[in-house]
Amino acid sequence: MKRERRIYDWLPVIAWMIVIFMLSAQPADQSIILSGSVTRFFANGLNQLAAFIEHFTRAQGTVVFLAGILVLIHLLETQQDEPEIFGIKKRWIISGTAIFLVMAIGLFLFVDFVQDTSFSYAGRLIRKSAHFIAYLILGFLVSHAMKNEASTATAWKRRGASLLFCVVYAISDEFHQLFVPGRGPMLKDVLIDGSGAAIGILLYVGARELWLRWKNK
């Protein structure tokens, strides 16, 4: 049963590695066409988002942001006296409020950045982001598969092995591109891939910790 479980854990990893291999096997012109289509899709969405954001003045945005900060401060100060609001733990509300504020700032800055960015540069940004996200997912999946491997190893040794696995695959992926028309290996892409894998591994660690805490309540 344990052996079957290990096989099932590794199947998504193998499937995702095949997806990455197939994307890397695309000639440069096909890759550019694909990223161009994705860029146009995101550009249309961002234009609609920008039109929505334009309804808010900077003053209104500042008021909302400051109100969020005040709410966050109030929640932090009263967390010990009143740990829950409407049956929801305040630490979850605090985390959600903080994430909302960070995302709001990031959203405004990102929209301003994209509107001033050329289409060709946006296409390159999309391609590099795809590298990052692909290996973020791979890092997450490998971490999940590794949880039942080398039971005598510490958790962080397994995380290190997961990262090494992803980086080695990223290097092999760049080597593979030597044989793809119009493409070639880039050290920068390996660094992007490794960073994505590291974030994916950390996300898995956090998600698993939350799951175990909820499960053991």
N, C-alpha and C. Protein backbone atom coordinates (compact mmCIF):
# COMPACT_ATOMS: atom_id res chain seq x y z
N MET A 1 0.84 -1.21 0.00
CA MET A 1 0.00 0.00 0.00
C MET A 1 0.87 1.26 0.00
N LYS A 2 1.95 1.22 0.85
CA LYS A 2 2.83 2.37 0.92
C LYS A 2 3.55 2.58 -0.41
N ARG A 3 3.94 1.46 -1.06
CA ARG A 3 4.63 1.55 -2.35
C ARG A 3 3.70 2.16 -3.40
N GLU A 4 2.42 1.75 -3.40
CA GLU A 4 1.46 2.31 -4.35
C GLU A 4 1.26 3.80 -4.09
N ARG A 5 1.23 4.17 -2.83
CA ARG A 5 1.07 5.58 -2.46
C ARG A 5 2.23 6.41 -2.99
N ARG A 6 3.44 5.87 -2.88
CA ARG A 6 4.62 6.58 -3.38
C ARG A 6 4.54 6.75 -4.89
N ILE A 7 4.06 5.72 -5.57
CA ILE A 7 3.93 5.81 -7.03
C ILE A 7 2.93 6.90 -7.40
N TYR A 8 1.80 6.92 -6.72
CA TYR A 8 0.78 7.94 -6.99
C TYR A 8 1.31 9.35 -6.71
N ASP A 9 2.15 9.48 -5.69
CA ASP A 9 2.72 10.80 -5.37
C ASP A 9 3.67 11.29 -6.46
N TRP A 10 4.37 10.35 -7.11
CA TRP A 10 5.34 10.74 -8.14
C TRP A 10 4.73 10.92 -9.52
N LEU A 11 3.54 10.38 -9.75
CA LEU A 11 2.91 10.51 -11.08
C LEU A 11 2.69 11.97 -11.49
N PRO A 12 2.15 12.85 -10.60
CA PRO A 12 2.01 14.26 -11.00
C PRO A 12 3.34 14.92 -11.32
N VAL A 13 4.40 14.53 -10.59
CA VAL A 13 5.74 15.09 -10.86
C VAL A 13 6.19 14.73 -12.27
N ILE A 14 6.06 13.45 -12.61
CA ILE A 14 6.48 12.99 -13.94
C ILE A 14 5.66 13.66 -15.03
N ALA A 15 4.33 13.76 -14.79
CA ALA A 15 3.46 14.40 -15.78
C ALA A 15 3.85 15.86 -16.01
N TRP A 16 4.15 16.57 -14.92
CA TRP A 16 4.51 17.99 -15.04
C TRP A 16 5.88 18.16 -15.70
N MET A 17 6.80 17.25 -15.43
CA MET A 17 8.11 17.29 -16.08
C MET A 17 7.97 17.10 -17.59
N ILE A 18 7.04 16.25 -17.99
CA ILE A 18 6.78 16.04 -19.42
C ILE A 18 6.22 17.31 -20.05
N VAL A 19 5.32 18.00 -19.32
CA VAL A 19 4.77 19.27 -19.82
C VAL A 19 5.89 20.28 -20.03
N ILE A 20 6.78 20.42 -19.05
CA ILE A 20 7.91 21.35 -19.17
C ILE A 20 8.80 20.97 -20.36
N PHE A 21 9.06 19.67 -20.52
CA PHE A 21 9.88 19.20 -21.64
C PHE A 21 9.24 19.57 -22.97
N MET A 22 7.93 19.37 -23.09
CA MET A 22 7.23 19.65 -24.35
C MET A 22 7.25 21.14 -24.67
N LEU A 23 7.08 21.98 -23.64
CA LEU A 23 7.14 23.43 -23.86
C LEU A 23 8.54 23.86 -24.29
N SER A 24 9.55 23.24 -23.70
CA SER A 24 10.93 23.58 -24.06
C SER A 24 11.30 23.08 -25.45
N ALA A 25 10.57 22.07 -25.93
CA ALA A 25 10.86 21.50 -27.24
C ALA A 25 10.29 22.35 -28.38
N GLN A 26 9.50 23.37 -28.04
CA GLN A 26 8.94 24.25 -29.08
C GLN A 26 10.05 25.11 -29.68
N PRO A 27 10.14 25.19 -31.01
CA PRO A 27 11.09 26.12 -31.64
C PRO A 27 10.82 27.55 -31.20
N ALA A 28 11.81 28.42 -31.32
CA ALA A 28 11.71 29.79 -30.82
C ALA A 28 10.52 30.53 -31.40
N ASP A 29 10.25 30.36 -32.73
CA ASP A 29 9.15 31.10 -33.35
C ASP A 29 7.80 30.68 -32.79
N GLN A 30 7.63 29.37 -32.53
CA GLN A 30 6.38 28.90 -31.93
C GLN A 30 6.23 29.40 -30.49
N SER A 31 7.33 29.42 -29.76
CA SER A 31 7.30 29.91 -28.38
C SER A 31 6.92 31.38 -28.33
N ILE A 32 7.45 32.17 -29.28
CA ILE A 32 7.13 33.60 -29.33
C ILE A 32 5.66 33.82 -29.66
N ILE A 33 5.13 33.00 -30.60
CA ILE A 33 3.71 33.10 -30.95
C ILE A 33 2.83 32.79 -29.74
N LEU A 34 3.20 31.72 -29.02
CA LEU A 34 2.42 31.34 -27.83
C LEU A 34 2.47 32.42 -26.77
N SER A 35 3.67 32.93 -26.48
CA SER A 35 3.79 33.97 -25.46
C SER A 35 3.10 35.25 -25.90
N GLY A 36 3.09 35.51 -27.23
CA GLY A 36 2.38 36.69 -27.74
C GLY A 36 0.89 36.59 -27.51
N SER A 37 0.34 35.38 -27.72
CA SER A 37 -1.10 35.17 -27.48
C SER A 37 -1.43 35.36 -26.01
N VAL A 38 -0.58 34.81 -25.15
CA VAL A 38 -0.79 34.96 -23.70
C VAL A 38 -0.67 36.42 -23.30
N THR A 39 0.31 37.12 -23.89
CA THR A 39 0.51 38.54 -23.57
C THR A 39 -0.71 39.36 -23.96
N ARG A 40 -1.26 39.09 -25.15
CA ARG A 40 -2.46 39.82 -25.59
C ARG A 40 -3.63 39.55 -24.65
N PHE A 41 -3.76 38.29 -24.20
CA PHE A 41 -4.84 37.94 -23.28
C PHE A 41 -4.72 38.74 -21.98
N PHE A 42 -3.50 38.75 -21.42
CA PHE A 42 -3.28 39.49 -20.18
C PHE A 42 -3.40 41.00 -20.40
N ALA A 43 -2.97 41.47 -21.57
CA ALA A 43 -3.06 42.90 -21.86
C ALA A 43 -4.51 43.36 -21.87
N ASN A 44 -5.39 42.55 -22.47
CA ASN A 44 -6.81 42.90 -22.48
C ASN A 44 -7.38 42.93 -21.06
N GLY A 45 -6.99 41.93 -20.27
CA GLY A 45 -7.47 41.89 -18.89
C GLY A 45 -6.95 43.07 -18.08
N LEU A 46 -5.68 43.43 -18.28
CA LEU A 46 -5.09 44.54 -17.54
C LEU A 46 -5.69 45.87 -17.97
N ASN A 47 -6.03 46.00 -19.25
CA ASN A 47 -6.68 47.23 -19.71
C ASN A 47 -8.03 47.40 -19.03
N GLN A 48 -8.78 46.31 -18.90
CA GLN A 48 -10.06 46.38 -18.20
C GLN A 48 -9.86 46.70 -16.72
N LEU A 49 -8.83 46.09 -16.14
CA LEU A 49 -8.52 46.36 -14.73
C LEU A 49 -8.11 47.81 -14.54
N ALA A 50 -7.29 48.32 -15.47
CA ALA A 50 -6.85 49.72 -15.39
C ALA A 50 -8.04 50.67 -15.48
N ALA A 51 -8.99 50.33 -16.37
CA ALA A 51 -10.19 51.16 -16.51
C ALA A 51 -10.99 51.18 -15.21
N PHE A 52 -11.02 50.03 -14.51
CA PHE A 52 -11.73 49.96 -13.23
C PHE A 52 -11.00 50.78 -12.17
N ILE A 53 -9.67 50.66 -12.14
CA ILE A 53 -8.87 51.36 -11.13
C ILE A 53 -8.94 52.87 -11.32
N GLU A 54 -9.08 53.32 -12.58
CA GLU A 54 -9.13 54.75 -12.85
C GLU A 54 -10.31 55.44 -12.18
N HIS A 55 -11.33 54.65 -11.80
CA HIS A 55 -12.48 55.24 -11.10
C HIS A 55 -12.09 55.70 -9.70
N PHE A 56 -10.99 55.21 -9.18
CA PHE A 56 -10.54 55.59 -7.85
C PHE A 56 -9.44 56.64 -7.96
N THR A 57 -9.59 57.71 -7.24
CA THR A 57 -8.54 58.73 -7.22
C THR A 57 -7.46 58.29 -6.25
N ARG A 58 -6.31 58.93 -6.32
CA ARG A 58 -5.23 58.60 -5.38
C ARG A 58 -5.66 58.89 -3.95
N ALA A 59 -6.44 59.95 -3.77
CA ALA A 59 -6.90 60.30 -2.43
C ALA A 59 -7.79 59.20 -1.85
N GLN A 60 -8.71 58.69 -2.69
CA GLN A 60 -9.59 57.62 -2.23
C GLN A 60 -8.79 56.36 -1.90
N GLY A 61 -7.82 56.05 -2.76
CA GLY A 61 -6.97 54.88 -2.51
C GLY A 61 -6.19 55.02 -1.22
N THR A 62 -5.69 56.23 -0.96
CA THR A 62 -4.93 56.49 0.27
C THR A 62 -5.81 56.32 1.50
N VAL A 63 -7.05 56.81 1.42
CA VAL A 63 -7.99 56.68 2.55
C VAL A 63 -8.28 55.21 2.84
N VAL A 64 -8.53 54.43 1.79
CA VAL A 64 -8.81 53.00 1.97
C VAL A 64 -7.60 52.29 2.58
N PHE A 65 -6.40 52.64 2.09
CA PHE A 65 -5.18 52.00 2.60
C PHE A 65 -4.96 52.33 4.07
N LEU A 66 -5.12 53.62 4.43
CA LEU A 66 -4.94 54.03 5.83
C LEU A 66 -5.98 53.38 6.73
N ALA A 67 -7.21 53.26 6.22
CA ALA A 67 -8.26 52.60 7.00
C ALA A 67 -7.88 51.14 7.25
N GLY A 68 -7.32 50.49 6.24
CA GLY A 68 -6.87 49.11 6.40
C GLY A 68 -5.77 48.99 7.43
N ILE A 69 -4.84 49.95 7.44
CA ILE A 69 -3.75 49.96 8.43
C ILE A 69 -4.32 50.11 9.83
N LEU A 70 -5.30 51.02 10.00
CA LEU A 70 -5.91 51.23 11.32
C LEU A 70 -6.63 49.98 11.80
N VAL A 71 -7.34 49.32 10.88
CA VAL A 71 -8.03 48.07 11.24
C VAL A 71 -7.01 47.02 11.67
N LEU A 72 -5.90 46.95 10.94
CA LEU A 72 -4.85 45.98 11.26
C LEU A 72 -4.26 46.24 12.64
N ILE A 73 -3.99 47.51 12.95
CA ILE A 73 -3.44 47.88 14.26
C ILE A 73 -4.43 47.52 15.37
N HIS A 74 -5.72 47.84 15.15
CA HIS A 74 -6.75 47.53 16.15
C HIS A 74 -6.82 46.03 16.41
N LEU A 75 -6.78 45.24 15.35
CA LEU A 75 -6.85 43.78 15.50
C LEU A 75 -5.65 43.24 16.27
N LEU A 76 -4.47 43.79 15.97
CA LEU A 76 -3.26 43.34 16.66
C LEU A 76 -3.31 43.67 18.15
N GLU A 77 -3.83 44.86 18.48
CA GLU A 77 -3.87 45.30 19.88
C GLU A 77 -4.91 44.53 20.69
N THR A 78 -5.97 44.07 20.06
CA THR A 78 -7.06 43.40 20.79
C THR A 78 -7.04 41.88 20.61
N GLN A 79 -6.01 41.36 19.96
CA GLN A 79 -5.97 39.93 19.65
C GLN A 79 -5.99 39.06 20.90
N GLN A 80 -5.22 39.45 21.93
CA GLN A 80 -5.14 38.62 23.14
C GLN A 80 -6.42 38.71 23.96
N ASP A 81 -7.04 39.89 24.03
CA ASP A 81 -8.27 40.05 24.81
C ASP A 81 -9.45 39.38 24.14
N GLU A 82 -9.55 39.52 22.82
CA GLU A 82 -10.64 38.93 22.05
C GLU A 82 -10.04 38.14 20.89
N PRO A 83 -9.74 36.86 21.09
CA PRO A 83 -9.06 36.09 20.03
C PRO A 83 -9.93 35.78 18.81
N GLU A 84 -11.26 36.00 18.94
CA GLU A 84 -12.14 35.67 17.82
C GLU A 84 -13.14 36.80 17.54
N ILE A 85 -13.56 36.90 16.27
CA ILE A 85 -14.64 37.80 15.87
C ILE A 85 -15.61 36.98 15.03
N PHE A 86 -16.87 36.91 15.47
CA PHE A 86 -17.89 36.13 14.77
C PHE A 86 -17.44 34.68 14.54
N GLY A 87 -16.73 34.12 15.52
CA GLY A 87 -16.29 32.74 15.43
C GLY A 87 -15.05 32.52 14.58
N ILE A 88 -14.48 33.60 14.05
CA ILE A 88 -13.27 33.50 13.23
C ILE A 88 -12.09 33.99 14.05
N LYS A 89 -11.02 33.22 14.07
CA LYS A 89 -9.84 33.62 14.83
C LYS A 89 -9.24 34.89 14.24
N LYS A 90 -8.88 35.80 15.15
CA LYS A 90 -8.37 37.10 14.70
C LYS A 90 -7.07 36.98 13.92
N ARG A 91 -6.27 35.97 14.22
CA ARG A 91 -5.00 35.85 13.50
C ARG A 91 -5.23 35.60 12.01
N TRP A 92 -6.34 34.91 11.69
CA TRP A 92 -6.67 34.71 10.28
C TRP A 92 -7.12 36.01 9.64
N ILE A 93 -7.90 36.79 10.38
CA ILE A 93 -8.37 38.09 9.86
C ILE A 93 -7.19 39.02 9.68
N ILE A 94 -6.25 39.01 10.64
CA ILE A 94 -5.05 39.85 10.55
C ILE A 94 -4.23 39.46 9.32
N SER A 95 -4.05 38.16 9.13
CA SER A 95 -3.28 37.69 7.97
C SER A 95 -3.96 38.09 6.67
N GLY A 96 -5.28 37.93 6.63
CA GLY A 96 -6.03 38.29 5.42
C GLY A 96 -5.97 39.78 5.13
N THR A 97 -6.08 40.60 6.17
CA THR A 97 -6.00 42.06 5.99
C THR A 97 -4.63 42.48 5.49
N ALA A 98 -3.58 41.90 6.08
CA ALA A 98 -2.21 42.23 5.65
C ALA A 98 -1.97 41.82 4.20
N ILE A 99 -2.43 40.63 3.84
CA ILE A 99 -2.28 40.16 2.46
C ILE A 99 -3.04 41.07 1.50
N PHE A 100 -4.26 41.49 1.90
CA PHE A 100 -5.06 42.38 1.05
C PHE A 100 -4.34 43.70 0.80
N LEU A 101 -3.76 44.27 1.86
CA LEU A 101 -3.06 45.55 1.71
C LEU A 101 -1.85 45.42 0.80
N VAL A 102 -1.08 44.34 0.99
CA VAL A 102 0.10 44.13 0.14
C VAL A 102 -0.32 43.93 -1.31
N MET A 103 -1.37 43.13 -1.52
CA MET A 103 -1.84 42.88 -2.89
C MET A 103 -2.38 44.14 -3.54
N ALA A 104 -3.06 44.98 -2.74
CA ALA A 104 -3.60 46.23 -3.28
C ALA A 104 -2.48 47.14 -3.77
N ILE A 105 -1.43 47.28 -2.95
CA ILE A 105 -0.28 48.10 -3.36
C ILE A 105 0.38 47.51 -4.60
N GLY A 106 0.59 46.20 -4.57
CA GLY A 106 1.22 45.53 -5.71
C GLY A 106 0.41 45.68 -6.98
N LEU A 107 -0.92 45.62 -6.84
CA LEU A 107 -1.79 45.73 -8.01
C LEU A 107 -1.68 47.10 -8.66
N PHE A 108 -1.74 48.16 -7.85
CA PHE A 108 -1.62 49.51 -8.39
C PHE A 108 -0.27 49.71 -9.07
N LEU A 109 0.80 49.26 -8.41
CA LEU A 109 2.14 49.42 -8.98
C LEU A 109 2.31 48.60 -10.25
N PHE A 110 1.74 47.39 -10.25
CA PHE A 110 1.88 46.51 -11.42
C PHE A 110 1.15 47.08 -12.63
N VAL A 111 -0.05 47.58 -12.41
CA VAL A 111 -0.81 48.16 -13.53
C VAL A 111 -0.08 49.35 -14.11
N ASP A 112 0.46 50.22 -13.24
CA ASP A 112 1.23 51.37 -13.73
C ASP A 112 2.45 50.91 -14.53
N PHE A 113 3.12 49.87 -14.04
CA PHE A 113 4.31 49.36 -14.72
C PHE A 113 3.97 48.80 -16.09
N VAL A 114 2.91 47.98 -16.15
CA VAL A 114 2.56 47.32 -17.40
C VAL A 114 2.10 48.32 -18.45
N GLN A 115 1.37 49.35 -18.02
CA GLN A 115 0.89 50.35 -18.98
C GLN A 115 2.05 51.09 -19.64
N ASP A 116 3.19 51.20 -18.95
CA ASP A 116 4.36 51.88 -19.51
C ASP A 116 5.34 50.91 -20.17
N THR A 117 4.94 49.65 -20.33
CA THR A 117 5.84 48.62 -20.85
C THR A 117 5.49 48.30 -22.30
N SER A 118 6.52 48.13 -23.13
CA SER A 118 6.30 47.79 -24.54
C SER A 118 5.79 46.35 -24.66
N PHE A 119 5.13 46.06 -25.79
CA PHE A 119 4.56 44.73 -26.00
C PHE A 119 5.65 43.66 -26.05
N SER A 120 6.78 43.97 -26.72
CA SER A 120 7.86 42.99 -26.84
C SER A 120 8.47 42.67 -25.47
N TYR A 121 8.64 43.72 -24.65
CA TYR A 121 9.20 43.50 -23.31
C TYR A 121 8.21 42.70 -22.46
N ALA A 122 6.91 43.01 -22.62
CA ALA A 122 5.88 42.28 -21.88
C ALA A 122 5.91 40.80 -22.27
N GLY A 123 6.16 40.52 -23.55
CA GLY A 123 6.26 39.13 -24.00
C GLY A 123 7.41 38.41 -23.33
N ARG A 124 8.55 39.07 -23.23
CA ARG A 124 9.70 38.46 -22.55
C ARG A 124 9.40 38.24 -21.07
N LEU A 125 8.70 39.22 -20.47
CA LEU A 125 8.33 39.10 -19.06
C LEU A 125 7.41 37.90 -18.84
N ILE A 126 6.47 37.71 -19.77
CA ILE A 126 5.56 36.56 -19.69
C ILE A 126 6.33 35.26 -19.77
N ARG A 127 7.30 35.19 -20.69
CA ARG A 127 8.08 33.95 -20.85
C ARG A 127 8.89 33.64 -19.59
N LYS A 128 9.50 34.66 -19.00
CA LYS A 128 10.28 34.43 -17.78
C LYS A 128 9.36 34.08 -16.61
N SER A 129 8.19 34.70 -16.57
CA SER A 129 7.22 34.38 -15.52
C SER A 129 6.75 32.94 -15.66
N ALA A 130 6.59 32.49 -16.92
CA ALA A 130 6.18 31.10 -17.16
C ALA A 130 7.23 30.13 -16.63
N HIS A 131 8.52 30.47 -16.83
CA HIS A 131 9.61 29.66 -16.26
C HIS A 131 9.44 29.55 -14.75
N PHE A 132 9.25 30.69 -14.10
CA PHE A 132 9.16 30.76 -12.64
C PHE A 132 7.98 29.93 -12.15
N ILE A 133 6.80 30.13 -12.76
CA ILE A 133 5.59 29.44 -12.31
C ILE A 133 5.68 27.94 -12.55
N ALA A 134 6.25 27.55 -13.71
CA ALA A 134 6.37 26.12 -14.03
C ALA A 134 7.20 25.40 -12.98
N TYR A 135 8.29 26.03 -12.56
CA TYR A 135 9.15 25.38 -11.57
C TYR A 135 8.64 25.57 -10.14
N LEU A 136 7.84 26.60 -9.91
CA LEU A 136 7.16 26.73 -8.62
C LEU A 136 6.24 25.52 -8.42
N ILE A 137 5.47 25.19 -9.47
CA ILE A 137 4.58 24.03 -9.41
C ILE A 137 5.39 22.75 -9.25
N LEU A 138 6.50 22.64 -10.00
CA LEU A 138 7.33 21.44 -9.89
C LEU A 138 7.89 21.30 -8.47
N GLY A 139 8.37 22.39 -7.89
CA GLY A 139 8.89 22.35 -6.52
C GLY A 139 7.84 21.89 -5.53
N PHE A 140 6.61 22.38 -5.70
CA PHE A 140 5.50 21.98 -4.82
C PHE A 140 5.23 20.49 -4.95
N LEU A 141 5.14 20.00 -6.20
CA LEU A 141 4.83 18.59 -6.44
C LEU A 141 5.95 17.67 -5.95
N VAL A 142 7.20 18.05 -6.21
CA VAL A 142 8.33 17.23 -5.76
C VAL A 142 8.38 17.16 -4.24
N SER A 143 8.11 18.27 -3.57
CA SER A 143 8.09 18.28 -2.09
C SER A 143 7.04 17.31 -1.56
N HIS A 144 5.88 17.31 -2.23
CA HIS A 144 4.81 16.40 -1.80
C HIS A 144 5.24 14.95 -2.00
N ALA A 145 5.88 14.66 -3.14
CA ALA A 145 6.32 13.30 -3.42
C ALA A 145 7.44 12.86 -2.49
N MET A 146 8.28 13.80 -2.09
CA MET A 146 9.45 13.49 -1.25
C MET A 146 9.08 13.22 0.21
N LYS A 147 7.86 13.54 0.59
CA LYS A 147 7.52 13.44 2.02
C LYS A 147 7.60 12.01 2.53
N ASN A 148 7.45 11.03 1.64
CA ASN A 148 7.52 9.63 2.05
C ASN A 148 8.85 8.97 1.71
N GLU A 149 9.78 9.78 1.17
CA GLU A 149 11.09 9.23 0.82
C GLU A 149 12.08 9.47 1.97
N ALA A 150 13.02 8.57 2.12
CA ALA A 150 14.10 8.71 3.11
C ALA A 150 13.55 9.14 4.46
N SER A 151 12.76 8.25 5.06
CA SER A 151 12.06 8.58 6.31
C SER A 151 13.02 8.95 7.45
N THR A 152 14.27 8.49 7.36
CA THR A 152 15.23 8.81 8.42
C THR A 152 15.81 10.22 8.28
N ALA A 153 15.63 10.83 7.11
CA ALA A 153 16.16 12.18 6.88
C ALA A 153 15.26 13.20 7.54
N THR A 154 15.84 14.33 7.92
CA THR A 154 15.05 15.41 8.49
C THR A 154 14.21 16.05 7.40
N ALA A 155 13.19 16.78 7.83
CA ALA A 155 12.29 17.43 6.87
C ALA A 155 13.06 18.37 5.96
N TRP A 156 13.99 19.15 6.53
CA TRP A 156 14.70 20.14 5.72
C TRP A 156 15.71 19.49 4.78
N LYS A 157 16.20 18.28 5.12
CA LYS A 157 17.04 17.56 4.18
C LYS A 157 16.23 17.12 2.97
N ARG A 158 14.98 16.73 3.22
CA ARG A 158 14.11 16.36 2.11
C ARG A 158 13.78 17.58 1.25
N ARG A 159 13.63 18.74 1.90
CA ARG A 159 13.38 19.97 1.13
C ARG A 159 14.61 20.30 0.27
N GLY A 160 15.80 20.12 0.87
CA GLY A 160 17.02 20.37 0.10
C GLY A 160 17.14 19.42 -1.08
N ALA A 161 16.78 18.15 -0.86
CA ALA A 161 16.81 17.18 -1.95
C ALA A 161 15.80 17.55 -3.03
N SER A 162 14.65 18.08 -2.61
CA SER A 162 13.63 18.52 -3.57
C SER A 162 14.15 19.65 -4.44
N LEU A 163 14.81 20.62 -3.80
CA LEU A 163 15.36 21.76 -4.55
C LEU A 163 16.45 21.29 -5.50
N LEU A 164 17.32 20.40 -5.04
CA LEU A 164 18.39 19.88 -5.90
C LEU A 164 17.80 19.15 -7.10
N PHE A 165 16.76 18.38 -6.87
CA PHE A 165 16.07 17.66 -7.95
C PHE A 165 15.59 18.64 -9.01
N CYS A 166 14.93 19.72 -8.57
CA CYS A 166 14.38 20.71 -9.50
C CYS A 166 15.48 21.45 -10.26
N VAL A 167 16.55 21.81 -9.57
CA VAL A 167 17.65 22.54 -10.21
C VAL A 167 18.34 21.66 -11.25
N VAL A 168 18.56 20.39 -10.91
CA VAL A 168 19.18 19.46 -11.87
C VAL A 168 18.30 19.32 -13.11
N TYR A 169 16.98 19.24 -12.90
CA TYR A 169 16.08 19.14 -14.05
C TYR A 169 16.10 20.43 -14.87
N ALA A 170 16.20 21.57 -14.19
CA ALA A 170 16.28 22.86 -14.90
C ALA A 170 17.54 22.91 -15.76
N ILE A 171 18.66 22.42 -15.23
CA ILE A 171 19.91 22.40 -16.00
C ILE A 171 19.77 21.48 -17.21
N SER A 172 19.15 20.30 -17.00
CA SER A 172 18.95 19.37 -18.11
C SER A 172 18.01 19.97 -19.16
N ASP A 173 17.04 20.76 -18.69
CA ASP A 173 16.10 21.42 -19.59
C ASP A 173 16.81 22.45 -20.47
N GLU A 174 17.74 23.19 -19.88
CA GLU A 174 18.52 24.16 -20.66
C GLU A 174 19.43 23.44 -21.65
N PHE A 175 20.01 22.31 -21.25
CA PHE A 175 20.84 21.52 -22.16
C PHE A 175 20.00 21.01 -23.33
N HIS A 176 18.77 20.61 -23.04
CA HIS A 176 17.85 20.13 -24.08
C HIS A 176 17.61 21.20 -25.13
N GLN A 177 17.60 22.47 -24.71
CA GLN A 177 17.31 23.56 -25.64
C GLN A 177 18.46 23.81 -26.63
N LEU A 178 19.62 23.20 -26.39
CA LEU A 178 20.71 23.27 -27.37
C LEU A 178 20.29 22.66 -28.71
N PHE A 179 19.35 21.72 -28.65
CA PHE A 179 18.95 20.98 -29.84
C PHE A 179 17.62 21.47 -30.41
N VAL A 180 17.10 22.58 -29.86
CA VAL A 180 15.83 23.16 -30.33
C VAL A 180 16.14 24.36 -31.21
N PRO A 181 15.59 24.42 -32.44
CA PRO A 181 15.88 25.54 -33.35
C PRO A 181 15.56 26.90 -32.74
N GLY A 182 16.53 27.81 -32.78
CA GLY A 182 16.33 29.17 -32.31
C GLY A 182 16.42 29.36 -30.82
N ARG A 183 16.72 28.28 -30.10
CA ARG A 183 16.81 28.39 -28.64
C ARG A 183 18.18 27.93 -28.16
N GLY A 184 18.49 28.25 -26.93
CA GLY A 184 19.78 27.87 -26.37
C GLY A 184 19.76 27.99 -24.86
N PRO A 185 20.75 27.42 -24.19
CA PRO A 185 20.79 27.45 -22.72
C PRO A 185 21.13 28.83 -22.18
N MET A 186 20.51 29.17 -21.05
CA MET A 186 20.78 30.45 -20.39
C MET A 186 20.88 30.22 -18.89
N LEU A 187 21.97 30.67 -18.30
CA LEU A 187 22.16 30.55 -16.85
C LEU A 187 21.06 31.30 -16.10
N LYS A 188 20.63 32.44 -16.67
CA LYS A 188 19.59 33.24 -16.03
C LYS A 188 18.30 32.44 -15.86
N ASP A 189 17.98 31.61 -16.87
CA ASP A 189 16.77 30.81 -16.78
C ASP A 189 16.88 29.76 -15.67
N VAL A 190 18.07 29.19 -15.49
CA VAL A 190 18.26 28.22 -14.40
C VAL A 190 18.05 28.90 -13.05
N LEU A 191 18.54 30.14 -12.91
CA LEU A 191 18.35 30.88 -11.66
C LEU A 191 16.87 31.18 -11.42
N ILE A 192 16.16 31.55 -12.49
CA ILE A 192 14.72 31.82 -12.37
C ILE A 192 13.99 30.53 -11.99
N ASP A 193 14.34 29.44 -12.67
CA ASP A 193 13.71 28.15 -12.38
C ASP A 193 13.97 27.72 -10.93
N GLY A 194 15.22 27.85 -10.49
CA GLY A 194 15.57 27.47 -9.13
C GLY A 194 14.83 28.31 -8.10
N SER A 195 14.68 29.61 -8.39
CA SER A 195 13.94 30.49 -7.47
C SER A 195 12.48 30.08 -7.40
N GLY A 196 11.89 29.77 -8.55
CA GLY A 196 10.50 29.31 -8.57
C GLY A 196 10.33 28.03 -7.78
N ALA A 197 11.26 27.08 -7.96
CA ALA A 197 11.19 25.82 -7.23
C ALA A 197 11.30 26.05 -5.72
N ALA A 198 12.20 26.95 -5.31
CA ALA A 198 12.37 27.24 -3.88
C ALA A 198 11.08 27.81 -3.28
N ILE A 199 10.44 28.72 -4.01
CA ILE A 199 9.17 29.28 -3.52
C ILE A 199 8.10 28.20 -3.46
N GLY A 200 8.06 27.33 -4.47
CA GLY A 200 7.09 26.24 -4.46
C GLY A 200 7.28 25.31 -3.27
N ILE A 201 8.54 25.03 -2.94
CA ILE A 201 8.85 24.17 -1.78
C ILE A 201 8.40 24.84 -0.49
N LEU A 202 8.67 26.14 -0.35
CA LEU A 202 8.24 26.87 0.85
C LEU A 202 6.72 26.92 0.96
N LEU A 203 6.05 27.09 -0.18
CA LEU A 203 4.58 27.09 -0.18
C LEU A 203 4.05 25.73 0.28
N TYR A 204 4.70 24.67 -0.17
CA TYR A 204 4.27 23.33 0.25
C TYR A 204 4.46 23.16 1.76
N VAL A 205 5.62 23.59 2.26
CA VAL A 205 5.90 23.48 3.70
C VAL A 205 4.83 24.22 4.50
N GLY A 206 4.50 25.46 4.07
CA GLY A 206 3.47 26.24 4.76
C GLY A 206 2.10 25.60 4.67
N ALA A 207 1.74 25.13 3.46
CA ALA A 207 0.42 24.52 3.27
C ALA A 207 0.29 23.23 4.08
N ARG A 208 1.34 22.43 4.11
CA ARG A 208 1.30 21.18 4.88
C ARG A 208 1.21 21.45 6.38
N GLU A 209 1.92 22.47 6.84
CA GLU A 209 1.87 22.83 8.26
C GLU A 209 0.46 23.25 8.66
N LEU A 210 -0.17 24.08 7.82
CA LEU A 210 -1.54 24.51 8.09
C LEU A 210 -2.49 23.32 8.07
N TRP A 211 -2.31 22.43 7.10
CA TRP A 211 -3.16 21.25 6.99
C TRP A 211 -3.04 20.37 8.23
N LEU A 212 -1.82 20.12 8.70
CA LEU A 212 -1.62 19.26 9.87
C LEU A 212 -2.20 19.89 11.13
N ARG A 213 -2.06 21.23 11.26
CA ARG A 213 -2.63 21.90 12.43
C ARG A 213 -4.14 21.79 12.42
N TRP A 214 -4.75 21.99 11.25
CA TRP A 214 -6.21 21.90 11.14
C TRP A 214 -6.68 20.47 11.39
N LYS A 215 -5.91 19.50 10.87
CA LYS A 215 -6.28 18.09 11.01
C LYS A 215 -6.19 17.62 12.45
N ASN A 216 -5.22 18.15 13.20
CA ASN A 216 -4.98 17.69 14.58
C ASN A 216 -5.74 18.49 15.63
N LYS A 217 -6.64 19.36 15.21
CA LYS A 217 -7.40 20.14 16.18
C LYS A 217 -8.28 19.22 17.03
